[in-house]
Each structure stands twice: as C-alpha cells, then as structure tokens.
Amino acid sequence: MKVLISGYYGFYNIGDEAILKSIIESLRNADPNIDIVVLSNDVEYTKVHIR
C-alpha cells in the first residue's frame, strides 16, 4: 500500500510534526510494509522531528 500525506509539515511547528509522527506510527502498526510519502516544506527538519 502507498500513502501520500499532505499537511503543514516543515514549517517549524513542532506540534504538526508530532501529529505526523503519530499518524506514521499508526499506519506502520497497521501495515509495517506501507510506503509513506510526506509532503514537507523542509524535508530535513521534518525527518529530524518525526524520529
């Protein structure tokens, strides 16, 4: 399964990244092999804050 997530990510609001982290964890719990792509204004910032 492939999922594209679009939201207000990478705009230096840690709350949005926290919500994204929760979404990704839930999706991976449902399907560990899921392919997730996230649209982000600042990919490196988002990567750091969802780990």
Protein backbone atom coordinates (compact mmCIF):
# COMPACT_ATOMS: atom_id res chain seq x y z
CA MET A 1 0.00 0.00 0.00
CA LYS A 2 1.16 3.53 -0.77
CA VAL A 3 0.09 6.62 1.15
CA LEU A 4 0.73 10.30 0.44
CA ILE A 5 0.43 12.62 3.44
CA SER A 6 -0.05 16.31 2.83
CA GLY A 7 -0.22 18.86 5.60
CA TYR A 8 1.54 21.81 7.17
CA TYR A 9 4.82 19.97 7.72
CA GLY A 10 8.28 21.53 7.64
CA PHE A 11 7.12 24.98 8.71
CA TYR A 12 8.87 24.84 12.13
CA ASN A 13 5.80 23.98 14.19
CA ILE A 14 6.82 21.01 16.31
CA GLY A 15 3.16 20.24 17.05
CA ASP A 16 2.43 19.47 13.40
CA GLU A 17 5.46 17.19 13.23
CA ALA A 18 4.30 15.45 16.43
CA ILE A 19 0.91 14.76 14.86
CA LEU A 20 2.63 13.49 11.71
CA LYS A 21 4.78 11.15 13.81
CA SER A 22 1.65 9.72 15.41
CA ILE A 23 -0.02 9.24 12.01
CA ILE A 24 3.03 7.44 10.64
CA GLU A 25 3.30 5.20 13.72
CA SER A 26 -0.37 4.26 13.43
CA LEU A 27 -0.06 3.47 9.73
CA ARG A 28 3.06 1.35 10.31
CA ASN A 29 1.32 -0.52 13.13
CA ALA A 30 -1.49 -1.37 10.72
CA ASP A 31 0.88 -2.34 7.89
CA PRO A 32 4.65 -2.50 8.53
CA ASN A 33 5.32 -2.63 4.77
CA ILE A 34 3.41 0.55 3.94
CA ASP A 35 5.13 3.02 1.62
CA ILE A 36 4.64 6.52 3.05
CA VAL A 37 5.49 9.79 1.29
CA VAL A 38 5.13 13.07 3.17
CA LEU A 39 5.00 16.49 1.54
CA SER A 40 7.11 18.93 3.56
CA ASN A 41 8.37 22.47 3.17
CA ASP A 42 11.66 21.46 4.86
CA VAL A 43 12.31 17.75 4.49
CA GLU A 44 15.36 17.64 6.78
CA TYR A 45 13.50 19.44 9.59
CA THR A 46 10.57 17.06 9.29
CA LYS A 47 12.85 13.99 9.23
CA VAL A 48 14.57 15.11 12.45
CA HIS A 49 11.33 15.75 14.30
CA ILE A 50 9.44 12.59 13.38
CA ARG A 51 12.12 10.17 14.53
